[in-house]
N, C-alpha and C. Protein backbone atom coordinates (compact mmCIF):
# COMPACT_ATOMS: atom_id res chain seq x y z
N MET A 1 32.23 16.33 -10.08
CA MET A 1 31.52 15.37 -10.89
C MET A 1 30.40 14.74 -10.05
N LYS A 2 29.20 14.76 -10.57
CA LYS A 2 28.06 14.23 -9.86
C LYS A 2 27.95 12.73 -10.14
N VAL A 3 27.87 11.94 -9.08
CA VAL A 3 27.76 10.50 -9.22
C VAL A 3 26.28 10.15 -9.34
N PRO A 4 25.90 9.37 -10.38
CA PRO A 4 24.49 9.01 -10.51
C PRO A 4 24.05 8.15 -9.32
N PRO A 5 22.78 8.29 -8.91
CA PRO A 5 22.31 7.52 -7.77
C PRO A 5 22.29 6.03 -8.08
N THR A 6 22.57 5.24 -7.07
CA THR A 6 22.49 3.80 -7.27
C THR A 6 21.06 3.37 -7.06
N ILE A 7 20.62 2.47 -7.89
CA ILE A 7 19.25 1.98 -7.80
C ILE A 7 19.30 0.62 -7.12
N PRO A 8 18.62 0.48 -5.97
CA PRO A 8 18.65 -0.80 -5.29
C PRO A 8 17.93 -1.86 -6.11
N THR A 9 18.54 -2.98 -6.22
CA THR A 9 17.92 -4.10 -6.93
C THR A 9 18.07 -5.34 -6.08
N MET A 10 17.39 -6.41 -6.51
CA MET A 10 17.54 -7.66 -5.81
C MET A 10 18.96 -8.18 -6.06
N PRO A 11 19.53 -8.82 -5.08
CA PRO A 11 20.87 -9.35 -5.28
C PRO A 11 20.88 -10.34 -6.44
N PRO A 12 21.95 -10.38 -7.20
CA PRO A 12 22.00 -11.30 -8.34
C PRO A 12 21.77 -12.75 -7.92
N THR A 13 22.19 -13.09 -6.70
CA THR A 13 21.99 -14.46 -6.27
C THR A 13 20.51 -14.80 -6.17
N LEU A 14 19.69 -13.86 -5.71
CA LEU A 14 18.26 -14.11 -5.62
C LEU A 14 17.65 -14.23 -7.01
N VAL A 15 18.01 -13.32 -7.89
CA VAL A 15 17.50 -13.37 -9.26
C VAL A 15 17.94 -14.67 -9.93
N ALA A 16 19.19 -15.05 -9.72
CA ALA A 16 19.70 -16.29 -10.31
C ALA A 16 18.96 -17.50 -9.74
N GLN A 17 18.69 -17.48 -8.43
CA GLN A 17 17.95 -18.59 -7.81
C GLN A 17 16.57 -18.74 -8.43
N ILE A 18 15.87 -17.62 -8.57
CA ILE A 18 14.51 -17.67 -9.11
C ILE A 18 14.52 -18.11 -10.56
N SER A 19 15.44 -17.59 -11.35
CA SER A 19 15.46 -17.95 -12.76
C SER A 19 15.89 -19.39 -12.98
N SER A 20 16.62 -19.98 -12.03
CA SER A 20 17.07 -21.36 -12.21
C SER A 20 16.07 -22.39 -11.67
N LEU A 21 14.98 -21.94 -11.06
CA LEU A 21 14.01 -22.89 -10.50
C LEU A 21 13.48 -23.85 -11.56
N SER A 22 13.22 -23.35 -12.75
CA SER A 22 12.63 -24.21 -13.79
C SER A 22 13.61 -25.29 -14.26
N ALA A 23 14.91 -25.09 -14.03
CA ALA A 23 15.91 -26.08 -14.45
C ALA A 23 16.20 -27.12 -13.37
N LEU A 24 15.74 -26.87 -12.15
CA LEU A 24 16.02 -27.81 -11.06
C LEU A 24 15.19 -29.08 -11.20
N PRO A 25 15.76 -30.22 -10.84
CA PRO A 25 14.95 -31.44 -10.82
C PRO A 25 13.89 -31.34 -9.72
N MET A 26 12.83 -32.08 -9.89
CA MET A 26 11.70 -32.01 -8.96
C MET A 26 12.14 -32.37 -7.53
N ILE A 27 13.07 -33.26 -7.40
CA ILE A 27 13.55 -33.64 -6.07
C ILE A 27 14.18 -32.45 -5.36
N GLU A 28 14.91 -31.60 -6.09
CA GLU A 28 15.51 -30.41 -5.48
C GLU A 28 14.46 -29.35 -5.19
N ILE A 29 13.45 -29.26 -6.03
CA ILE A 29 12.34 -28.33 -5.78
C ILE A 29 11.68 -28.69 -4.45
N LYS A 30 11.42 -29.98 -4.25
CA LYS A 30 10.79 -30.42 -3.00
C LYS A 30 11.70 -30.17 -1.80
N SER A 31 12.98 -30.38 -1.97
CA SER A 31 13.94 -30.13 -0.90
C SER A 31 13.97 -28.65 -0.54
N LEU A 32 13.98 -27.80 -1.55
CA LEU A 32 13.97 -26.35 -1.32
C LEU A 32 12.68 -25.93 -0.63
N TRP A 33 11.55 -26.52 -1.02
CA TRP A 33 10.27 -26.23 -0.38
C TRP A 33 10.34 -26.56 1.12
N ARG A 34 10.87 -27.75 1.43
CA ARG A 34 10.96 -28.16 2.84
C ARG A 34 11.84 -27.19 3.64
N ARG A 35 12.92 -26.73 3.02
CA ARG A 35 13.82 -25.79 3.70
C ARG A 35 13.15 -24.44 3.94
N LEU A 36 12.40 -23.96 2.95
CA LEU A 36 11.78 -22.63 3.06
C LEU A 36 10.51 -22.62 3.91
N PHE A 37 9.70 -23.68 3.79
CA PHE A 37 8.39 -23.69 4.44
C PHE A 37 8.33 -24.61 5.66
N ALA A 38 9.38 -25.40 5.90
CA ALA A 38 9.42 -26.35 7.03
C ALA A 38 8.21 -27.28 7.01
N ALA A 39 7.85 -27.72 5.81
CA ALA A 39 6.71 -28.63 5.65
C ALA A 39 6.88 -29.38 4.33
N GLU A 40 6.11 -30.44 4.20
CA GLU A 40 6.11 -31.19 2.93
C GLU A 40 5.35 -30.40 1.86
N THR A 41 5.66 -30.67 0.62
CA THR A 41 4.97 -29.99 -0.48
C THR A 41 3.49 -30.35 -0.47
N PRO A 42 2.61 -29.37 -0.64
CA PRO A 42 1.17 -29.64 -0.59
C PRO A 42 0.63 -30.27 -1.88
N THR A 43 1.43 -30.22 -2.93
CA THR A 43 0.98 -30.73 -4.23
C THR A 43 2.19 -31.16 -5.04
N HIS A 44 1.93 -31.84 -6.14
CA HIS A 44 3.02 -32.23 -7.04
C HIS A 44 3.03 -31.33 -8.28
N ASN A 45 2.23 -30.29 -8.26
CA ASN A 45 2.16 -29.36 -9.39
C ASN A 45 3.41 -28.48 -9.38
N ARG A 46 4.29 -28.74 -10.32
CA ARG A 46 5.59 -28.06 -10.35
C ARG A 46 5.44 -26.55 -10.49
N GLN A 47 4.54 -26.10 -11.37
CA GLN A 47 4.37 -24.66 -11.59
C GLN A 47 3.95 -23.97 -10.30
N PHE A 48 3.03 -24.58 -9.56
CA PHE A 48 2.59 -24.02 -8.28
C PHE A 48 3.77 -23.92 -7.32
N LEU A 49 4.53 -25.00 -7.20
CA LEU A 49 5.66 -25.02 -6.27
C LEU A 49 6.71 -23.98 -6.64
N GLU A 50 7.04 -23.86 -7.92
CA GLU A 50 8.04 -22.88 -8.36
C GLU A 50 7.59 -21.46 -8.04
N ARG A 51 6.34 -21.16 -8.30
CA ARG A 51 5.84 -19.81 -8.05
C ARG A 51 5.86 -19.47 -6.56
N ARG A 52 5.42 -20.41 -5.73
CA ARG A 52 5.41 -20.17 -4.30
C ARG A 52 6.83 -20.03 -3.74
N ILE A 53 7.74 -20.86 -4.25
CA ILE A 53 9.14 -20.77 -3.81
C ILE A 53 9.72 -19.42 -4.22
N ALA A 54 9.47 -19.00 -5.46
CA ALA A 54 9.98 -17.70 -5.93
C ALA A 54 9.43 -16.58 -5.06
N TYR A 55 8.16 -16.64 -4.74
CA TYR A 55 7.54 -15.62 -3.90
C TYR A 55 8.18 -15.62 -2.51
N LYS A 56 8.38 -16.81 -1.95
CA LYS A 56 8.95 -16.92 -0.60
C LYS A 56 10.38 -16.39 -0.58
N LEU A 57 11.17 -16.67 -1.62
CA LEU A 57 12.53 -16.16 -1.69
C LEU A 57 12.53 -14.63 -1.71
N GLN A 58 11.63 -14.05 -2.51
CA GLN A 58 11.53 -12.59 -2.58
C GLN A 58 11.04 -12.01 -1.26
N GLU A 59 10.08 -12.69 -0.66
CA GLU A 59 9.54 -12.23 0.62
C GLU A 59 10.65 -12.20 1.67
N ASN A 60 11.46 -13.25 1.71
CA ASN A 60 12.56 -13.30 2.68
C ASN A 60 13.55 -12.17 2.43
N GLU A 61 13.83 -11.87 1.18
CA GLU A 61 14.76 -10.80 0.85
C GLU A 61 14.17 -9.44 1.21
N CYS A 62 12.90 -9.22 0.90
CA CYS A 62 12.25 -7.94 1.19
C CYS A 62 12.06 -7.73 2.69
N ARG A 63 11.89 -8.80 3.41
CA ARG A 63 11.70 -8.70 4.86
C ARG A 63 12.90 -8.01 5.50
N LYS A 64 14.06 -8.20 4.91
CA LYS A 64 15.27 -7.60 5.46
C LYS A 64 15.21 -6.09 5.37
N SER A 65 14.57 -5.55 4.32
CA SER A 65 14.65 -4.12 4.10
C SER A 65 13.32 -3.37 4.24
N ASN A 66 12.19 -4.07 4.26
CA ASN A 66 10.92 -3.34 4.30
C ASN A 66 9.94 -3.99 5.27
N GLY A 67 10.25 -3.87 6.54
CA GLY A 67 9.38 -4.43 7.56
C GLY A 67 8.02 -3.77 7.62
N ALA A 68 7.94 -2.47 7.28
CA ALA A 68 6.67 -1.75 7.34
C ALA A 68 5.67 -2.33 6.33
N LEU A 69 6.15 -2.67 5.15
CA LEU A 69 5.28 -3.25 4.13
C LEU A 69 4.74 -4.60 4.59
N LEU A 70 5.60 -5.42 5.16
CA LEU A 70 5.14 -6.72 5.64
C LEU A 70 4.15 -6.58 6.79
N GLU A 71 4.39 -5.63 7.67
CA GLU A 71 3.47 -5.42 8.78
C GLU A 71 2.10 -4.96 8.27
N ARG A 72 2.08 -4.06 7.29
CA ARG A 72 0.82 -3.60 6.72
C ARG A 72 0.08 -4.76 6.06
N ASN A 73 0.80 -5.62 5.37
CA ASN A 73 0.17 -6.78 4.74
C ASN A 73 -0.38 -7.75 5.79
N ARG A 74 0.35 -7.94 6.88
CA ARG A 74 -0.14 -8.81 7.96
C ARG A 74 -1.45 -8.28 8.54
N ARG A 75 -1.52 -6.96 8.75
CA ARG A 75 -2.75 -6.36 9.27
C ARG A 75 -3.92 -6.57 8.30
N ARG A 76 -3.66 -6.39 7.02
CA ARG A 76 -4.72 -6.57 6.02
C ARG A 76 -5.20 -8.01 5.98
N ILE A 77 -4.27 -8.96 6.07
CA ILE A 77 -4.63 -10.38 6.05
C ILE A 77 -5.44 -10.72 7.29
N ALA A 78 -5.01 -10.21 8.46
CA ALA A 78 -5.75 -10.47 9.70
C ALA A 78 -7.16 -9.91 9.62
N ALA A 79 -7.32 -8.72 9.05
CA ALA A 79 -8.65 -8.11 8.91
C ALA A 79 -9.51 -8.95 7.96
N LEU A 80 -8.92 -9.45 6.89
CA LEU A 80 -9.66 -10.28 5.94
C LEU A 80 -10.12 -11.57 6.59
N VAL A 81 -9.25 -12.21 7.35
CA VAL A 81 -9.60 -13.45 8.03
C VAL A 81 -10.69 -13.20 9.07
N GLU A 82 -10.57 -12.11 9.79
CA GLU A 82 -11.51 -11.79 10.86
C GLU A 82 -12.90 -11.44 10.31
N THR A 83 -12.97 -10.58 9.31
CA THR A 83 -14.26 -10.09 8.83
C THR A 83 -14.76 -10.77 7.56
N GLY A 84 -13.85 -11.38 6.83
CA GLY A 84 -14.25 -11.99 5.55
C GLY A 84 -14.32 -10.98 4.43
N LYS A 85 -14.02 -9.72 4.74
CA LYS A 85 -14.05 -8.66 3.73
C LYS A 85 -12.73 -7.92 3.75
N LEU A 86 -12.33 -7.45 2.61
CA LEU A 86 -11.10 -6.68 2.52
C LEU A 86 -11.45 -5.21 2.56
N LYS A 87 -10.83 -4.50 3.50
CA LYS A 87 -11.06 -3.06 3.59
C LYS A 87 -10.49 -2.38 2.36
N LYS A 88 -10.91 -1.14 2.19
CA LYS A 88 -10.32 -0.35 1.12
C LYS A 88 -8.83 -0.31 1.30
N ARG A 89 -8.14 -0.23 0.22
CA ARG A 89 -6.68 -0.21 0.26
C ARG A 89 -6.19 0.99 1.06
N ASP A 90 -5.12 0.77 1.80
CA ASP A 90 -4.53 1.87 2.55
C ASP A 90 -4.18 3.00 1.59
N ARG A 91 -4.19 4.21 2.09
CA ARG A 91 -3.87 5.35 1.25
C ARG A 91 -2.37 5.38 0.90
N ASP A 92 -1.60 4.54 1.55
CA ASP A 92 -0.17 4.49 1.27
C ASP A 92 0.02 3.75 -0.05
N TYR A 93 0.29 4.48 -1.10
CA TYR A 93 0.43 3.92 -2.43
C TYR A 93 1.90 3.71 -2.79
N ARG A 94 2.78 4.08 -1.90
CA ARG A 94 4.21 4.10 -2.21
C ARG A 94 4.70 2.71 -2.58
N PRO A 95 5.23 2.54 -3.78
CA PRO A 95 5.75 1.24 -4.19
C PRO A 95 7.09 0.93 -3.52
N VAL A 96 7.47 -0.32 -3.57
CA VAL A 96 8.70 -0.80 -2.96
C VAL A 96 9.90 -0.26 -3.73
N ALA A 97 10.99 0.01 -3.01
CA ALA A 97 12.22 0.50 -3.64
C ALA A 97 12.65 -0.47 -4.75
N GLY A 98 13.06 0.10 -5.86
CA GLY A 98 13.48 -0.70 -7.01
C GLY A 98 12.39 -0.86 -8.05
N THR A 99 11.14 -0.52 -7.69
CA THR A 99 10.04 -0.63 -8.63
C THR A 99 10.23 0.39 -9.75
N VAL A 100 9.96 -0.04 -10.97
CA VAL A 100 10.05 0.87 -12.11
C VAL A 100 8.63 1.15 -12.59
N LEU A 101 8.23 2.40 -12.54
CA LEU A 101 6.91 2.82 -13.00
C LEU A 101 7.04 3.28 -14.45
N THR A 102 6.14 2.83 -15.30
CA THR A 102 6.19 3.18 -16.71
C THR A 102 4.88 3.84 -17.09
N ARG A 103 4.98 4.91 -17.85
CA ARG A 103 3.78 5.61 -18.32
C ARG A 103 4.04 6.12 -19.73
N GLU A 104 3.10 5.86 -20.61
CA GLU A 104 3.19 6.41 -21.96
C GLU A 104 2.33 7.66 -22.01
N TYR A 105 2.93 8.74 -22.43
CA TYR A 105 2.22 10.01 -22.52
C TYR A 105 2.60 10.66 -23.84
N GLN A 106 1.61 10.97 -24.64
CA GLN A 106 1.79 11.57 -25.97
C GLN A 106 2.82 10.78 -26.79
N LYS A 107 2.61 9.45 -26.82
CA LYS A 107 3.40 8.50 -27.61
C LYS A 107 4.87 8.42 -27.19
N ILE A 108 5.20 8.88 -25.99
CA ILE A 108 6.55 8.76 -25.44
C ILE A 108 6.44 7.98 -24.14
N GLU A 109 7.31 6.97 -23.98
CA GLU A 109 7.29 6.17 -22.77
C GLU A 109 8.26 6.76 -21.74
N TYR A 110 7.76 6.98 -20.54
CA TYR A 110 8.55 7.52 -19.46
C TYR A 110 8.72 6.46 -18.38
N ARG A 111 9.91 6.40 -17.78
CA ARG A 111 10.21 5.43 -16.72
C ARG A 111 10.72 6.16 -15.48
N VAL A 112 10.17 5.76 -14.35
CA VAL A 112 10.57 6.33 -13.06
C VAL A 112 10.91 5.16 -12.14
N THR A 113 12.02 5.27 -11.44
CA THR A 113 12.45 4.22 -10.51
C THR A 113 12.33 4.71 -9.08
N VAL A 114 11.73 3.89 -8.23
CA VAL A 114 11.59 4.22 -6.82
C VAL A 114 12.92 3.89 -6.14
N THR A 115 13.45 4.83 -5.38
CA THR A 115 14.72 4.61 -4.70
C THR A 115 14.50 4.24 -3.24
N ALA A 116 15.54 3.74 -2.61
CA ALA A 116 15.43 3.28 -1.22
C ALA A 116 15.26 4.44 -0.24
N ASP A 117 15.65 5.64 -0.63
CA ASP A 117 15.56 6.79 0.28
C ASP A 117 14.28 7.59 0.09
N ASP A 118 13.20 6.91 -0.32
CA ASP A 118 11.87 7.52 -0.48
C ASP A 118 11.86 8.66 -1.50
N GLN A 119 12.62 8.50 -2.55
CA GLN A 119 12.61 9.46 -3.65
C GLN A 119 12.38 8.70 -4.95
N TYR A 120 12.31 9.46 -6.02
CA TYR A 120 12.07 8.87 -7.34
C TYR A 120 13.14 9.36 -8.30
N GLU A 121 13.71 8.43 -9.07
CA GLU A 121 14.73 8.77 -10.05
C GLU A 121 14.06 8.84 -11.42
N PHE A 122 14.22 9.97 -12.08
CA PHE A 122 13.65 10.18 -13.41
C PHE A 122 14.68 10.92 -14.25
N GLU A 123 15.05 10.32 -15.36
CA GLU A 123 16.03 10.89 -16.29
C GLU A 123 17.31 11.33 -15.58
N GLY A 124 17.80 10.49 -14.68
CA GLY A 124 19.07 10.75 -14.02
C GLY A 124 19.03 11.71 -12.84
N ARG A 125 17.83 12.20 -12.49
CA ARG A 125 17.71 13.13 -11.36
C ARG A 125 16.76 12.56 -10.32
N LEU A 126 16.96 12.97 -9.06
CA LEU A 126 16.08 12.53 -7.98
C LEU A 126 14.99 13.56 -7.73
N TYR A 127 13.77 13.08 -7.48
CA TYR A 127 12.63 13.94 -7.21
C TYR A 127 11.97 13.48 -5.91
N PRO A 128 11.40 14.41 -5.14
CA PRO A 128 10.77 14.03 -3.87
C PRO A 128 9.38 13.41 -4.03
N SER A 129 8.73 13.65 -5.19
CA SER A 129 7.38 13.11 -5.35
C SER A 129 7.08 12.80 -6.82
N LEU A 130 6.10 11.94 -7.00
CA LEU A 130 5.66 11.61 -8.36
C LEU A 130 4.94 12.78 -9.02
N SER A 131 4.32 13.61 -8.22
CA SER A 131 3.58 14.76 -8.76
C SER A 131 4.51 15.74 -9.46
N VAL A 132 5.69 15.92 -8.90
CA VAL A 132 6.67 16.82 -9.53
C VAL A 132 7.09 16.26 -10.88
N ILE A 133 7.27 14.95 -10.95
CA ILE A 133 7.66 14.32 -12.22
C ILE A 133 6.52 14.42 -13.23
N ALA A 134 5.28 14.16 -12.78
CA ALA A 134 4.13 14.27 -13.68
C ALA A 134 4.00 15.68 -14.22
N ARG A 135 4.26 16.67 -13.39
CA ARG A 135 4.21 18.07 -13.83
C ARG A 135 5.30 18.33 -14.86
N GLU A 136 6.47 17.78 -14.65
CA GLU A 136 7.57 17.97 -15.60
C GLU A 136 7.25 17.33 -16.95
N ILE A 137 6.60 16.18 -16.93
CA ILE A 137 6.26 15.48 -18.17
C ILE A 137 5.15 16.20 -18.92
N THR A 138 4.10 16.60 -18.21
CA THR A 138 2.91 17.13 -18.86
C THR A 138 2.89 18.66 -18.98
N GLY A 139 3.60 19.33 -18.10
CA GLY A 139 3.56 20.78 -18.08
C GLY A 139 2.38 21.32 -17.30
N THR A 140 1.57 20.44 -16.71
CA THR A 140 0.43 20.85 -15.89
C THR A 140 0.45 20.10 -14.57
N ARG A 141 -0.33 20.59 -13.60
CA ARG A 141 -0.37 19.92 -12.30
C ARG A 141 -1.19 18.64 -12.40
N TRP A 142 -0.60 17.57 -11.90
CA TRP A 142 -1.23 16.26 -11.88
C TRP A 142 -1.00 15.64 -10.51
N SER A 143 -1.86 14.73 -10.13
CA SER A 143 -1.57 13.86 -9.00
C SER A 143 -0.60 12.81 -9.54
N GLY A 144 0.59 12.76 -8.99
CA GLY A 144 1.58 11.80 -9.47
C GLY A 144 1.10 10.36 -9.38
N PRO A 145 0.55 9.93 -8.21
CA PRO A 145 0.06 8.55 -8.11
C PRO A 145 -1.04 8.26 -9.14
N LEU A 146 -1.88 9.23 -9.42
CA LEU A 146 -2.92 9.06 -10.42
C LEU A 146 -2.32 8.97 -11.82
N PHE A 147 -1.37 9.85 -12.12
CA PHE A 147 -0.73 9.88 -13.43
C PHE A 147 -0.03 8.56 -13.73
N PHE A 148 0.62 7.96 -12.73
CA PHE A 148 1.35 6.71 -12.93
C PHE A 148 0.50 5.47 -12.64
N GLY A 149 -0.79 5.66 -12.37
CA GLY A 149 -1.70 4.52 -12.22
C GLY A 149 -1.63 3.81 -10.88
N LEU A 150 -1.10 4.48 -9.87
CA LEU A 150 -1.02 3.85 -8.55
C LEU A 150 -2.31 4.00 -7.76
N LYS A 151 -3.17 4.93 -8.18
CA LYS A 151 -4.49 5.04 -7.56
C LYS A 151 -5.48 5.41 -8.64
N THR A 152 -6.74 5.16 -8.37
CA THR A 152 -7.78 5.44 -9.35
C THR A 152 -8.42 6.78 -9.04
N PRO A 153 -9.02 7.41 -10.06
CA PRO A 153 -9.69 8.69 -9.81
C PRO A 153 -10.81 8.51 -8.80
N SER A 154 -10.99 9.49 -7.92
CA SER A 154 -12.03 9.38 -6.89
C SER A 154 -13.42 9.62 -7.44
N LYS A 155 -13.51 10.43 -8.49
CA LYS A 155 -14.81 10.73 -9.09
C LYS A 155 -14.84 10.16 -10.51
N PRO A 156 -16.00 9.61 -10.92
CA PRO A 156 -16.09 9.13 -12.31
C PRO A 156 -16.05 10.35 -13.26
N LYS A 157 -15.58 10.11 -14.47
CA LYS A 157 -15.52 11.20 -15.44
C LYS A 157 -16.92 11.68 -15.80
N LYS A 158 -17.05 12.95 -16.14
CA LYS A 158 -18.35 13.50 -16.51
C LYS A 158 -18.84 12.80 -17.76
N GLY A 159 -20.13 12.50 -17.77
CA GLY A 159 -20.73 11.88 -18.94
C GLY A 159 -20.53 10.37 -18.99
N ALA A 160 -19.92 9.80 -17.97
CA ALA A 160 -19.71 8.34 -17.96
C ALA A 160 -21.05 7.66 -17.69
N ALA A 161 -21.28 6.54 -18.36
CA ALA A 161 -22.51 5.80 -18.17
C ALA A 161 -22.55 5.20 -16.77
N LYS A 162 -23.72 5.24 -16.15
CA LYS A 162 -23.86 4.70 -14.80
C LYS A 162 -24.53 3.36 -14.86
């Protein structure tokens, strides 16, 4: 009997923490901010504080499992601060484990989940690349990242207005 692959997700405690932020009193929001950022809240705008706290909680959780992504982001931020310009995006388009890619093709919606072992789960099977999945869906060769919208076409379409 083949056991279906497990899909890594955020721990329920993290999801529960984020979803309960809107129910917390403002005093607890400020306390949580101080604990996470080791500083006083920069504003009294609750929506801003909730969003930043949610982001920080996710960042802390992802830091445990994806140090390469954080390092790449640090390099990009340092380059932006240094030059004032953002370089072209790295060619590494690989989404974080647990990401669900959705694509509608010929009025059918397809879902692909990125797994922790650098593979993709599609219809209960694991695939080594998005291109293989795109080929299975369309019956023709496609760039998987292009098919799922992770990168843009390098050349404009013929006849496109300039």
